[in-house]
Amino acid sequence: MRVAVISVTGMQQRSIRPGPFFQSGPAADPLYRKVRDCSPPWMVEAKAFVEELWTEAWPYVDADLPAQARVGFFSRYWELYLTVALLRWSVPLVARASRGATTRGPDLLAAFSPRVFLEAVAVTPGKGPDAVPEVVSGKAQDVPHNEVILRIRSGIKEKHEKLAAYETQGILLPTDAFVIALNAGQIYPAKLPPVLPHEVMAVLPFGDAVAQVDLTTNTWSDGGFTYRRLIQKRFGAPVSTDIFDCPSYSGISALLYSRIDLLNRPEKIGQGPIGADFSIVHNPFARIPLPHGLFPCWREYWVDENRRLCHVQPAPSRKG
């Protein structure tokens, strides 16, 4: 896909600049209250960081995002973080005031040609028998990779259903690209990825890492991965992990993935500027594929013409 930046007028701001992101009064979300009301230095810094994001992101997000944060803080924080990361990478986002009918559509719109819509989602550990188990301090535990992948697939499924609704309503056209921007920062084991990252194993049919050992020479062969297209839940039907290997998910152009949370961010822990941990997994069956390098990312994954998994770790210069 050849991409060009299109001109959009009136992109800079809505007519009235909003107040602070955090407001006094009742709030159902305990994390919102903790960030707003607590005094430890690390929480004061986190609150200031969220306000910084809000001052940059507000023309591009819903005006009622601060009100939504009272009942679902982390998801709205992720939307702010994503927006500012893309802006600082000079991605040409379109302000809400200039989006017309598409304001009823996905969270963000990038003014490339074709248009690229982004829908943000932040997954949680979940509930029930397939939830990601809590980490018990001081106790050795296996990393619950399958449970993490199931939570990622749950977020993708939710947004794939929204994509279908956007298309039915005529908000997204067949010529539009669609990216799911998924954050797993609320799931601690997601920060401990296997050899092949969770985001890849959630959408392409790769299983555990394997290698052959010649016992006569005590040498290892080249490694690889098992083929896996399903994860069996403890209860209920199995969940497919090959959605980027079939045409039924062709409306999704790519998955943008991040594991940042409020305190563990690359720009805070010396691992690069805001958004430095983003990865992109391209959908080889995408109706509107994305060019490599279109969005900022730490690593990009794609399947080549020989059905081999490839990746690249770009090192572009970027803004803070």
C-alpha atoms as a PDB file:
ATOM      1  CA  MET A   1       0.000   0.000   0.000  1.00  0.00           C
ATOM      2  CA  ARG A   2       1.378   3.389  -0.999  1.00  0.00           C
ATOM      3  CA  VAL A   3       0.752   5.950   1.722  1.00  0.00           C
ATOM      4  CA  ALA A   4       0.504   9.710   1.499  1.00  0.00           C
ATOM      5  CA  VAL A   5      -0.352  12.292   4.124  1.00  0.00           C
ATOM      6  CA  ILE A   6      -3.519  14.188   3.318  1.00  0.00           C
ATOM      7  CA  SER A   7      -4.246  17.761   4.326  1.00  0.00           C
ATOM      8  CA  VAL A   8      -6.875  18.285   6.989  1.00  0.00           C
ATOM      9  CA  THR A   9      -7.986  21.768   8.009  1.00  0.00           C
ATOM     10  CA  GLY A  10      -8.944  22.788  11.506  1.00  0.00           C
ATOM     11  CA  MET A  11      -6.827  20.083  13.115  1.00  0.00           C
ATOM     12  CA  GLN A  12      -5.279  22.029  15.969  1.00  0.00           C
ATOM     13  CA  GLN A  13      -7.914  22.235  18.684  1.00  0.00           C
ATOM     14  CA  ARG A  14     -11.507  22.353  19.717  1.00  0.00           C
ATOM     15  CA  SER A  15     -12.877  25.786  20.444  1.00  0.00           C
ATOM     16  CA  ILE A  16     -12.662  25.578  24.251  1.00  0.00           C
ATOM     17  CA  ARG A  17      -9.579  24.303  26.024  1.00  0.00           C
ATOM     18  CA  PRO A  18     -10.604  21.922  28.829  1.00  0.00           C
ATOM     19  CA  GLY A  19      -9.576  22.045  32.464  1.00  0.00           C
ATOM     20  CA  PRO A  20      -7.411  19.520  34.342  1.00  0.00           C
ATOM     21  CA  PHE A  21      -7.878  15.826  33.693  1.00  0.00           C
ATOM     22  CA  PHE A  22      -8.391  14.937  37.349  1.00  0.00           C
ATOM     23  CA  GLN A  23     -11.430  16.448  39.036  1.00  0.00           C
ATOM     24  CA  SER A  24     -12.682  16.398  42.615  1.00  0.00           C
ATOM     25  CA  GLY A  25     -15.758  14.472  43.606  1.00  0.00           C
ATOM     26  CA  PRO A  26     -16.880  10.833  43.622  1.00  0.00           C
ATOM     27  CA  ALA A  27     -15.049   8.327  41.394  1.00  0.00           C
ATOM     28  CA  ALA A  28     -15.835   4.623  41.152  1.00  0.00           C
ATOM     29  CA  ASP A  29     -12.401   3.595  39.903  1.00  0.00           C
ATOM     30  CA  PRO A  30      -9.980   2.999  42.825  1.00  0.00           C
ATOM     31  CA  LEU A  31      -6.886   3.610  40.679  1.00  0.00           C
ATOM     32  CA  TYR A  32      -8.287   6.999  39.617  1.00  0.00           C
ATOM     33  CA  ARG A  33      -8.772   7.961  43.272  1.00  0.00           C
ATOM     34  CA  LYS A  34      -5.329   6.670  44.216  1.00  0.00           C
ATOM     35  CA  VAL A  35      -3.571   8.696  41.537  1.00  0.00           C
ATOM     36  CA  ARG A  36      -5.657  11.811  42.197  1.00  0.00           C
ATOM     37  CA  ASP A  37      -5.520  11.796  45.996  1.00  0.00           C
ATOM     38  CA  CYS A  38      -2.306  10.059  47.114  1.00  0.00           C
ATOM     39  CA  SER A  39       0.834  11.935  48.111  1.00  0.00           C
ATOM     40  CA  PRO A  40       3.837   9.581  47.621  1.00  0.00           C
ATOM     41  CA  PRO A  41       6.332  11.147  45.181  1.00  0.00           C
ATOM     42  CA  TRP A  42       5.946   8.386  42.575  1.00  0.00           C
ATOM     43  CA  MET A  43       2.174   8.880  42.521  1.00  0.00           C
ATOM     44  CA  VAL A  44       2.529  12.656  42.343  1.00  0.00           C
ATOM     45  CA  GLU A  45       4.790  12.146  39.324  1.00  0.00           C
ATOM     46  CA  ALA A  46       2.272   9.783  37.736  1.00  0.00           C
ATOM     47  CA  LYS A  47      -0.531  12.311  38.196  1.00  0.00           C
ATOM     48  CA  ALA A  48       1.590  15.071  36.654  1.00  0.00           C
ATOM     49  CA  PHE A  49       2.418  12.785  33.729  1.00  0.00           C
ATOM     50  CA  VAL A  50      -1.256  12.074  33.047  1.00  0.00           C
ATOM     51  CA  GLU A  51      -2.005  15.804  33.113  1.00  0.00           C
ATOM     52  CA  GLU A  52       0.882  16.355  30.669  1.00  0.00           C
ATOM     53  CA  LEU A  53      -0.597  13.760  28.326  1.00  0.00           C
ATOM     54  CA  TRP A  54      -4.019  15.405  28.582  1.00  0.00           C
ATOM     55  CA  THR A  55      -2.660  18.843  27.613  1.00  0.00           C
ATOM     56  CA  GLU A  56      -1.288  17.353  24.385  1.00  0.00           C
ATOM     57  CA  ALA A  57      -3.950  14.784  23.556  1.00  0.00           C
ATOM     58  CA  TRP A  58      -7.221  16.578  24.299  1.00  0.00           C
ATOM     59  CA  PRO A  59      -7.938  17.880  20.754  1.00  0.00           C
ATOM     60  CA  TYR A  60      -7.760  14.301  19.419  1.00  0.00           C
ATOM     61  CA  VAL A  61      -9.799  12.346  21.995  1.00  0.00           C
ATOM     62  CA  ASP A  62     -13.342  12.403  23.339  1.00  0.00           C
ATOM     63  CA  ALA A  63     -14.130  15.573  25.275  1.00  0.00           C
ATOM     64  CA  ASP A  64     -15.642  13.505  28.083  1.00  0.00           C
ATOM     65  CA  LEU A  65     -12.541  11.338  28.545  1.00  0.00           C
ATOM     66  CA  PRO A  66     -11.932  12.774  32.067  1.00  0.00           C
ATOM     67  CA  ALA A  67     -15.474  11.813  33.071  1.00  0.00           C
ATOM     68  CA  GLN A  68     -15.038   8.330  31.598  1.00  0.00           C
ATOM     69  CA  ALA A  69     -11.803   7.927  33.585  1.00  0.00           C
ATOM     70  CA  ARG A  70     -13.715   8.116  36.858  1.00  0.00           C
ATOM     71  CA  VAL A  71     -15.141   4.656  36.160  1.00  0.00           C
ATOM     72  CA  GLY A  72     -12.425   3.212  33.877  1.00  0.00           C
ATOM     73  CA  PHE A  73      -9.155   5.043  34.457  1.00  0.00           C
ATOM     74  CA  PHE A  74      -6.520   2.776  32.934  1.00  0.00           C
ATOM     75  CA  SER A  75      -8.233   2.408  29.568  1.00  0.00           C
ATOM     76  CA  ARG A  76      -8.460   6.195  29.234  1.00  0.00           C
ATOM     77  CA  TYR A  77      -4.852   6.583  30.361  1.00  0.00           C
ATOM     78  CA  TRP A  78      -3.795   4.144  27.617  1.00  0.00           C
ATOM     79  CA  GLU A  79      -5.724   6.156  25.029  1.00  0.00           C
ATOM     80  CA  LEU A  80      -3.929   9.346  26.144  1.00  0.00           C
ATOM     81  CA  TYR A  81      -0.525   7.649  26.123  1.00  0.00           C
ATOM     82  CA  LEU A  82      -1.085   6.180  22.670  1.00  0.00           C
ATOM     83  CA  THR A  83      -2.238   9.522  21.283  1.00  0.00           C
ATOM     84  CA  VAL A  84       0.737  11.469  22.580  1.00  0.00           C
ATOM     85  CA  ALA A  85       3.225   8.795  21.496  1.00  0.00           C
ATOM     86  CA  LEU A  86       1.906   9.017  17.928  1.00  0.00           C
ATOM     87  CA  LEU A  87       1.852  12.821  17.995  1.00  0.00           C
ATOM     88  CA  ARG A  88       5.453  12.997  19.162  1.00  0.00           C
ATOM     89  CA  TRP A  89       6.338  10.680  16.292  1.00  0.00           C
ATOM     90  CA  SER A  90       4.706  13.219  13.939  1.00  0.00           C
ATOM     91  CA  VAL A  91       1.926  10.800  12.967  1.00  0.00           C
ATOM     92  CA  PRO A  92      -0.708  13.083  11.363  1.00  0.00           C
ATOM     93  CA  LEU A  93      -3.633  12.487  13.697  1.00  0.00           C
ATOM     94  CA  VAL A  94      -6.890  14.250  12.890  1.00  0.00           C
ATOM     95  CA  ALA A  95      -8.437  16.397  15.634  1.00  0.00           C
ATOM     96  CA  ARG A  96     -11.943  15.528  16.761  1.00  0.00           C
ATOM     97  CA  ALA A  97     -13.235  18.873  15.487  1.00  0.00           C
ATOM     98  CA  SER A  98     -12.273  17.866  11.937  1.00  0.00           C
ATOM     99  CA  ARG A  99     -13.474  14.265  11.900  1.00  0.00           C
ATOM    100  CA  GLY A 100     -17.136  14.832  11.083  1.00  0.00           C
ATOM    101  CA  ALA A 101     -19.201  11.628  11.218  1.00  0.00           C
ATOM    102  CA  THR A 102     -16.142   9.527  12.050  1.00  0.00           C
ATOM    103  CA  THR A 103     -16.169  10.930  15.611  1.00  0.00           C
ATOM    104  CA  ARG A 104     -18.676   8.116  16.207  1.00  0.00           C
ATOM    105  CA  GLY A 105     -16.053   5.659  15.041  1.00  0.00           C
ATOM    106  CA  PRO A 106     -12.673   4.413  16.300  1.00  0.00           C
ATOM    107  CA  ASP A 107     -10.682   6.340  18.871  1.00  0.00           C
ATOM    108  CA  LEU A 108      -8.060   7.853  16.549  1.00  0.00           C
ATOM    109  CA  LEU A 109      -7.723   8.673  12.867  1.00  0.00           C
ATOM    110  CA  ALA A 110      -4.388   9.156  11.104  1.00  0.00           C
ATOM    111  CA  ALA A 111      -4.545  11.315   7.986  1.00  0.00           C
ATOM    112  CA  PHE A 112      -2.714   8.966   5.681  1.00  0.00           C
ATOM    113  CA  SER A 113      -4.095   7.970   2.319  1.00  0.00           C
ATOM    114  CA  PRO A 114      -5.740   5.505   2.657  1.00  0.00           C
ATOM    115  CA  ARG A 115      -7.043   6.574   6.056  1.00  0.00           C
ATOM    116  CA  VAL A 116      -5.854   4.606   9.087  1.00  0.00           C
ATOM    117  CA  PHE A 117      -8.157   4.243  12.086  1.00  0.00           C
ATOM    118  CA  LEU A 118      -6.920   3.068  15.479  1.00  0.00           C
ATOM    119  CA  GLU A 119      -9.069   1.529  18.205  1.00  0.00           C
ATOM    120  CA  ALA A 120      -7.528   1.396  21.693  1.00  0.00           C
ATOM    121  CA  VAL A 121      -8.215  -1.330  24.245  1.00  0.00           C
ATOM    122  CA  ALA A 122      -6.583  -2.164  27.585  1.00  0.00           C
ATOM    123  CA  VAL A 123      -7.076  -5.747  28.722  1.00  0.00           C
ATOM    124  CA  THR A 124      -7.293  -6.866  32.349  1.00  0.00           C
ATOM    125  CA  PRO A 125      -6.365 -10.153  34.046  1.00  0.00           C
ATOM    126  CA  GLY A 126      -9.992 -11.216  33.643  1.00  0.00           C
ATOM    127  CA  LYS A 127     -12.206 -13.288  35.930  1.00  0.00           C
ATOM    128  CA  GLY A 128     -13.124 -16.933  36.212  1.00  0.00           C
ATOM    129  CA  PRO A 129     -11.132 -20.132  35.597  1.00  0.00           C
ATOM    130  CA  ASP A 130      -9.200 -18.729  32.611  1.00  0.00           C
ATOM    131  CA  ALA A 131      -8.187 -15.475  34.299  1.00  0.00           C
ATOM    132  CA  VAL A 132      -4.499 -14.677  34.629  1.00  0.00           C
ATOM    133  CA  PRO A 133      -3.580 -15.765  38.180  1.00  0.00           C
ATOM    134  CA  GLU A 134      -2.159 -13.250  40.608  1.00  0.00           C
ATOM    135  CA  VAL A 135       1.554 -13.304  41.272  1.00  0.00           C
ATOM    136  CA  VAL A 136       2.287 -14.450  44.834  1.00  0.00           C
ATOM    137  CA  SER A 137       5.326 -12.718  46.287  1.00  0.00           C
ATOM    138  CA  GLY A 138       8.064 -15.119  47.397  1.00  0.00           C
ATOM    139  CA  LYS A 139       6.538 -18.136  45.664  1.00  0.00           C
ATOM    140  CA  ALA A 140       7.937 -19.791  42.525  1.00  0.00           C
ATOM    141  CA  GLN A 141       5.290 -19.888  39.807  1.00  0.00           C
ATOM    142  CA  ASP A 142       5.099 -20.752  36.129  1.00  0.00           C
ATOM    143  CA  VAL A 143       4.438 -17.772  33.896  1.00  0.00           C
ATOM    144  CA  PRO A 144       0.820 -18.250  32.702  1.00  0.00           C
ATOM    145  CA  HIS A 145       1.501 -17.588  29.023  1.00  0.00           C
ATOM    146  CA  ASN A 146      -1.689 -19.208  27.743  1.00  0.00           C
ATOM    147  CA  GLU A 147      -3.843 -17.144  30.071  1.00  0.00           C
ATOM    148  CA  VAL A 148      -2.106 -13.944  28.935  1.00  0.00           C
ATOM    149  CA  ILE A 149      -2.707 -14.880  25.286  1.00  0.00           C
ATOM    150  CA  LEU A 150      -6.368 -15.576  26.012  1.00  0.00           C
ATOM    151  CA  ARG A 151      -6.767 -12.100  27.491  1.00  0.00           C
ATOM    152  CA  ILE A 152      -5.126 -10.551  24.419  1.00  0.00           C
ATOM    153  CA  ARG A 153      -7.483 -12.527  22.187  1.00  0.00           C
ATOM    154  CA  SER A 154     -10.432 -11.334  24.262  1.00  0.00           C
ATOM    155  CA  GLY A 155      -9.470  -7.705  23.598  1.00  0.00           C
ATOM    156  CA  ILE A 156      -8.994  -8.356  19.885  1.00  0.00           C
ATOM    157  CA  LYS A 157     -12.350 -10.123  19.668  1.00  0.00           C
ATOM    158  CA  GLU A 158     -14.109  -7.175  21.333  1.00  0.00           C
ATOM    159  CA  LYS A 159     -12.628  -4.684  18.890  1.00  0.00           C
ATOM    160  CA  HIS A 160     -13.159  -6.925  15.868  1.00  0.00           C
ATOM    161  CA  GLU A 161     -16.855  -6.905  16.720  1.00  0.00           C
ATOM    162  CA  LYS A 162     -16.773  -3.103  16.947  1.00  0.00           C
ATOM    163  CA  LEU A 163     -15.076  -2.997  13.544  1.00  0.00           C
ATOM    164  CA  ALA A 164     -18.017  -4.899  12.056  1.00  0.00           C
ATOM    165  CA  ALA A 165     -20.406  -2.367  13.606  1.00  0.00           C
ATOM    166  CA  TYR A 166     -18.410   0.582  12.238  1.00  0.00           C
ATOM    167  CA  GLU A 167     -18.514  -0.959   8.766  1.00  0.00           C
ATOM    168  CA  THR A 168     -22.254  -1.633   8.980  1.00  0.00           C
ATOM    169  CA  GLN A 169     -22.864   1.989   9.992  1.00  0.00           C
ATOM    170  CA  GLY A 170     -20.763   3.247   7.085  1.00  0.00           C
ATOM    171  CA  ILE A 171     -18.237   4.937   9.396  1.00  0.00           C
ATOM    172  CA  LEU A 172     -15.377   2.794   8.072  1.00  0.00           C
ATOM    173  CA  LEU A 173     -15.117   2.261   4.346  1.00  0.00           C
ATOM    174  CA  PRO A 174     -13.661  -0.793   2.563  1.00  0.00           C
ATOM    175  CA  THR A 175     -10.681   1.382   1.661  1.00  0.00           C
ATOM    176  CA  ASP A 176      -9.839   2.256   5.301  1.00  0.00           C
ATOM    177  CA  ALA A 177      -7.119   0.545   7.304  1.00  0.00           C
ATOM    178  CA  PHE A 178      -7.920  -0.501  10.876  1.00  0.00           C
ATOM    179  CA  VAL A 179      -5.389  -1.042  13.676  1.00  0.00           C
ATOM    180  CA  ILE A 180      -6.162  -2.443  17.121  1.00  0.00           C
ATOM    181  CA  ALA A 181      -3.914  -0.763  19.708  1.00  0.00           C
ATOM    182  CA  LEU A 182      -3.880  -3.157  22.651  1.00  0.00           C
ATOM    183  CA  ASN A 183      -2.280  -2.617  26.040  1.00  0.00           C
ATOM    184  CA  ALA A 184      -1.622  -5.454  28.513  1.00  0.00           C
ATOM    185  CA  GLY A 185       0.028  -3.351  31.207  1.00  0.00           C
ATOM    186  CA  GLN A 186      -2.532  -4.335  33.853  1.00  0.00           C
ATOM    187  CA  ILE A 187      -1.425  -7.984  33.550  1.00  0.00           C
ATOM    188  CA  TYR A 188       1.874  -8.423  35.369  1.00  0.00           C
ATOM    189  CA  PRO A 189       2.865 -11.741  33.674  1.00  0.00           C
ATOM    190  CA  ALA A 190       2.465 -10.005  30.296  1.00  0.00           C
ATOM    191  CA  LYS A 191       5.713  -8.208  31.171  1.00  0.00           C
ATOM    192  CA  LEU A 192       7.469 -11.608  31.107  1.00  0.00           C
ATOM    193  CA  PRO A 193       7.085 -12.692  27.476  1.00  0.00           C
ATOM    194  CA  PRO A 194       8.217 -16.089  26.153  1.00  0.00           C
ATOM    195  CA  VAL A 195      10.770 -16.509  23.348  1.00  0.00           C
ATOM    196  CA  LEU A 196       8.120 -15.472  20.848  1.00  0.00           C
ATOM    197  CA  PRO A 197       6.119 -12.570  22.316  1.00  0.00           C
ATOM    198  CA  HIS A 198       2.536 -12.977  23.477  1.00  0.00           C
ATOM    199  CA  GLU A 199       1.195 -10.584  20.846  1.00  0.00           C
ATOM    200  CA  VAL A 200       2.561 -12.764  18.031  1.00  0.00           C
ATOM    201  CA  MET A 201       1.337 -16.024  19.556  1.00  0.00           C
ATOM    202  CA  ALA A 202      -2.150 -14.539  19.981  1.00  0.00           C
ATOM    203  CA  VAL A 203      -2.700 -13.949  16.257  1.00  0.00           C
ATOM    204  CA  LEU A 204      -0.401 -16.346  14.372  1.00  0.00           C
ATOM    205  CA  PRO A 205      -0.263 -20.162  14.757  1.00  0.00           C
ATOM    206  CA  PHE A 206       3.026 -20.405  16.655  1.00  0.00           C
ATOM    207  CA  GLY A 207       3.322 -22.464  19.818  1.00  0.00           C
ATOM    208  CA  ASP A 208       6.214 -23.282  22.143  1.00  0.00           C
ATOM    209  CA  ALA A 209       9.853 -22.984  21.150  1.00  0.00           C
ATOM    210  CA  VAL A 210      11.468 -26.317  20.235  1.00  0.00           C
ATOM    211  CA  ALA A 211      14.891 -27.603  19.243  1.00  0.00           C
ATOM    212  CA  GLN A 212      16.372 -30.999  18.346  1.00  0.00           C
ATOM    213  CA  VAL A 213      19.372 -32.390  20.185  1.00  0.00           C
ATOM    214  CA  ASP A 214      21.701 -34.990  18.681  1.00  0.00           C
ATOM    215  CA  LEU A 215      22.551 -37.138  21.687  1.00  0.00           C
ATOM    216  CA  THR A 216      25.534 -38.727  19.944  1.00  0.00           C
ATOM    217  CA  THR A 217      27.271 -35.415  19.307  1.00  0.00           C
ATOM    218  CA  ASN A 218      25.549 -33.394  22.028  1.00  0.00           C
ATOM    219  CA  THR A 219      24.787 -30.626  19.543  1.00  0.00           C
ATOM    220  CA  TRP A 220      21.658 -28.568  19.017  1.00  0.00           C
ATOM    221  CA  SER A 221      19.880 -28.103  15.745  1.00  0.00           C
ATOM    222  CA  ASP A 222      18.316 -24.885  14.611  1.00  0.00           C
ATOM    223  CA  GLY A 223      15.326 -24.144  16.778  1.00  0.00           C
ATOM    224  CA  GLY A 224      11.764 -23.501  15.749  1.00  0.00           C
ATOM    225  CA  PHE A 225       8.218 -23.387  17.084  1.00  0.00           C
ATOM    226  CA  THR A 226       5.390 -25.852  17.264  1.00  0.00           C
ATOM    227  CA  TYR A 227       2.276 -25.264  15.190  1.00  0.00           C
ATOM    228  CA  ARG A 228      -0.639 -24.167  17.354  1.00  0.00           C
ATOM    229  CA  ARG A 229      -3.879 -22.676  16.111  1.00  0.00           C
ATOM    230  CA  LEU A 230      -5.985 -23.129  19.272  1.00  0.00           C
ATOM    231  CA  ILE A 231      -5.732 -22.738  23.027  1.00  0.00           C
ATOM    232  CA  GLN A 232      -8.112 -24.907  24.983  1.00  0.00           C
ATOM    233  CA  LYS A 233      -9.861 -23.007  27.758  1.00  0.00           C
ATOM    234  CA  ARG A 234     -10.483 -24.731  31.065  1.00  0.00           C
ATOM    235  CA  PHE A 235     -14.193 -24.441  30.384  1.00  0.00           C
ATOM    236  CA  GLY A 236     -15.869 -23.687  27.093  1.00  0.00           C
ATOM    237  CA  ALA A 237     -14.808 -23.772  23.476  1.00  0.00           C
ATOM    238  CA  PRO A 238     -11.152 -23.431  22.455  1.00  0.00           C
ATOM    239  CA  VAL A 239      -9.919 -20.033  21.303  1.00  0.00           C
ATOM    240  CA  SER A 240      -8.223 -19.617  17.931  1.00  0.00           C
ATOM    241  CA  THR A 241      -4.741 -18.132  17.814  1.00  0.00           C
ATOM    242  CA  ASP A 242      -4.401 -18.044  14.027  1.00  0.00           C
ATOM    243  CA  ILE A 243      -6.692 -15.107  13.236  1.00  0.00           C
ATOM    244  CA  PHE A 244      -3.981 -13.420  11.142  1.00  0.00           C
ATOM    245  CA  ASP A 245      -3.652 -16.625   9.127  1.00  0.00           C
ATOM    246  CA  CYS A 246      -7.190 -16.615   7.737  1.00  0.00           C
ATOM    247  CA  PRO A 247      -9.255 -14.147   5.694  1.00  0.00           C
ATOM    248  CA  SER A 248     -12.117 -13.760   8.207  1.00  0.00           C
ATOM    249  CA  TYR A 249     -10.086 -11.171  10.137  1.00  0.00           C
ATOM    250  CA  SER A 250      -8.899  -9.335   7.014  1.00  0.00           C
ATOM    251  CA  GLY A 251     -10.480  -6.097   8.220  1.00  0.00           C
ATOM    252  CA  ILE A 252      -7.727  -5.762  10.834  1.00  0.00           C
ATOM    253  CA  SER A 253      -4.602  -4.332   9.221  1.00  0.00           C
ATOM    254  CA  ALA A 254      -2.300  -4.822  12.205  1.00  0.00           C
ATOM    255  CA  LEU A 255      -2.045  -5.178  15.962  1.00  0.00           C
ATOM    256  CA  LEU A 256      -0.154  -2.470  17.869  1.00  0.00           C
ATOM    257  CA  TYR A 257       0.867  -3.806  21.270  1.00  0.00           C
ATOM    258  CA  SER A 258       2.242  -2.315  24.479  1.00  0.00           C
ATOM    259  CA  ARG A 259       2.888  -3.437  28.058  1.00  0.00           C
ATOM    260  CA  ILE A 260       3.334  -0.035  29.700  1.00  0.00           C
ATOM    261  CA  ASP A 261       1.501   0.860  32.879  1.00  0.00           C
ATOM    262  CA  LEU A 262       1.304   4.030  34.905  1.00  0.00           C
ATOM    263  CA  LEU A 263       4.684   3.710  36.614  1.00  0.00           C
ATOM    264  CA  ASN A 264       6.638   1.356  34.325  1.00  0.00           C
ATOM    265  CA  ARG A 265       7.141   3.355  31.149  1.00  0.00           C
ATOM    266  CA  PRO A 266      10.176   3.360  28.847  1.00  0.00           C
ATOM    267  CA  GLU A 267      10.808   7.083  29.242  1.00  0.00           C
ATOM    268  CA  LYS A 268      10.694   6.713  33.045  1.00  0.00           C
ATOM    269  CA  ILE A 269      12.930   3.659  33.446  1.00  0.00           C
ATOM    270  CA  GLY A 270      15.602   4.650  30.936  1.00  0.00           C
ATOM    271  CA  GLN A 271      14.496   2.482  28.006  1.00  0.00           C
ATOM    272  CA  GLY A 272      13.709   5.239  25.526  1.00  0.00           C
ATOM    273  CA  PRO A 273      11.101   7.930  24.975  1.00  0.00           C
ATOM    274  CA  ILE A 274       7.343   7.591  25.251  1.00  0.00           C
ATOM    275  CA  GLY A 275       6.050   4.740  23.106  1.00  0.00           C
ATOM    276  CA  ALA A 276       9.440   3.077  22.770  1.00  0.00           C
ATOM    277  CA  ASP A 277       8.022  -0.307  23.753  1.00  0.00           C
ATOM    278  CA  PHE A 278       5.363  -0.483  21.004  1.00  0.00           C
ATOM    279  CA  SER A 279       5.397  -3.503  18.729  1.00  0.00           C
ATOM    280  CA  ILE A 280       3.434  -4.072  15.523  1.00  0.00           C
ATOM    281  CA  VAL A 281       2.200  -7.417  14.194  1.00  0.00           C
ATOM    282  CA  HIS A 282       1.102  -7.119  10.552  1.00  0.00           C
ATOM    283  CA  ASN A 283      -1.824  -9.135   9.241  1.00  0.00           C
ATOM    284  CA  PRO A 284      -0.720 -10.948   6.068  1.00  0.00           C
ATOM    285  CA  PHE A 285      -4.385 -11.330   5.036  1.00  0.00           C
ATOM    286  CA  ALA A 286      -5.242  -7.664   5.631  1.00  0.00           C
ATOM    287  CA  ARG A 287      -7.616  -6.119   3.138  1.00  0.00           C
ATOM    288  CA  ILE A 288      -5.683  -2.860   3.577  1.00  0.00           C
ATOM    289  CA  PRO A 289      -2.161  -3.757   4.714  1.00  0.00           C
ATOM    290  CA  LEU A 290       0.096  -1.234   6.437  1.00  0.00           C
ATOM    291  CA  PRO A 291       3.530  -0.341   5.104  1.00  0.00           C
ATOM    292  CA  HIS A 292       6.347  -1.268   7.452  1.00  0.00           C
ATOM    293  CA  GLY A 293       7.558   1.654   9.531  1.00  0.00           C
ATOM    294  CA  LEU A 294       4.317   3.612   9.272  1.00  0.00           C
ATOM    295  CA  PHE A 295       3.935   3.813  13.053  1.00  0.00           C
ATOM    296  CA  PRO A 296       6.540   4.093  15.803  1.00  0.00           C
ATOM    297  CA  CYS A 297       7.477   0.758  17.275  1.00  0.00           C
ATOM    298  CA  TRP A 298      10.193  -1.119  19.061  1.00  0.00           C
ATOM    299  CA  ARG A 299       9.752  -4.136  16.813  1.00  0.00           C
ATOM    300  CA  GLU A 300       7.673  -5.153  13.774  1.00  0.00           C
ATOM    301  CA  TYR A 301       6.576  -8.677  12.877  1.00  0.00           C
ATOM    302  CA  TRP A 302       5.238  -9.921   9.551  1.00  0.00           C
ATOM    303  CA  VAL A 303       4.912 -13.109   7.486  1.00  0.00           C
ATOM    304  CA  ASP A 304       6.839 -13.052   4.211  1.00  0.00           C
ATOM    305  CA  GLU A 305       5.883 -14.557   0.847  1.00  0.00           C
ATOM    306  CA  ASN A 306       7.406 -17.900   1.910  1.00  0.00           C
ATOM    307  CA  ARG A 307       5.245 -17.908   5.073  1.00  0.00           C
ATOM    308  CA  ARG A 308       8.221 -17.281   7.309  1.00  0.00           C
ATOM    309  CA  LEU A 309       7.887 -15.071  10.370  1.00  0.00           C
ATOM    310  CA  CYS A 310      10.167 -12.048  10.091  1.00  0.00           C
ATOM    311  CA  HIS A 311      10.881  -9.169  12.402  1.00  0.00           C
ATOM    312  CA  VAL A 312      12.882  -5.990  12.443  1.00  0.00           C
ATOM    313  CA  GLN A 313      13.856  -3.718  15.297  1.00  0.00           C
ATOM    314  CA  PRO A 314      14.004  -0.189  13.920  1.00  0.00           C
ATOM    315  CA  ALA A 315      16.066   2.480  15.599  1.00  0.00           C
ATOM    316  CA  PRO A 316      14.678   5.785  14.273  1.00  0.00           C
ATOM    317  CA  SER A 317      15.318   9.083  15.958  1.00  0.00           C
ATOM    318  CA  ARG A 318      12.278  10.277  17.817  1.00  0.00           C
ATOM    319  CA  LYS A 319      10.942  13.085  19.966  1.00  0.00           C
ATOM    320  CA  GLY A 320      10.708  12.868  23.749  1.00  0.00           C
END
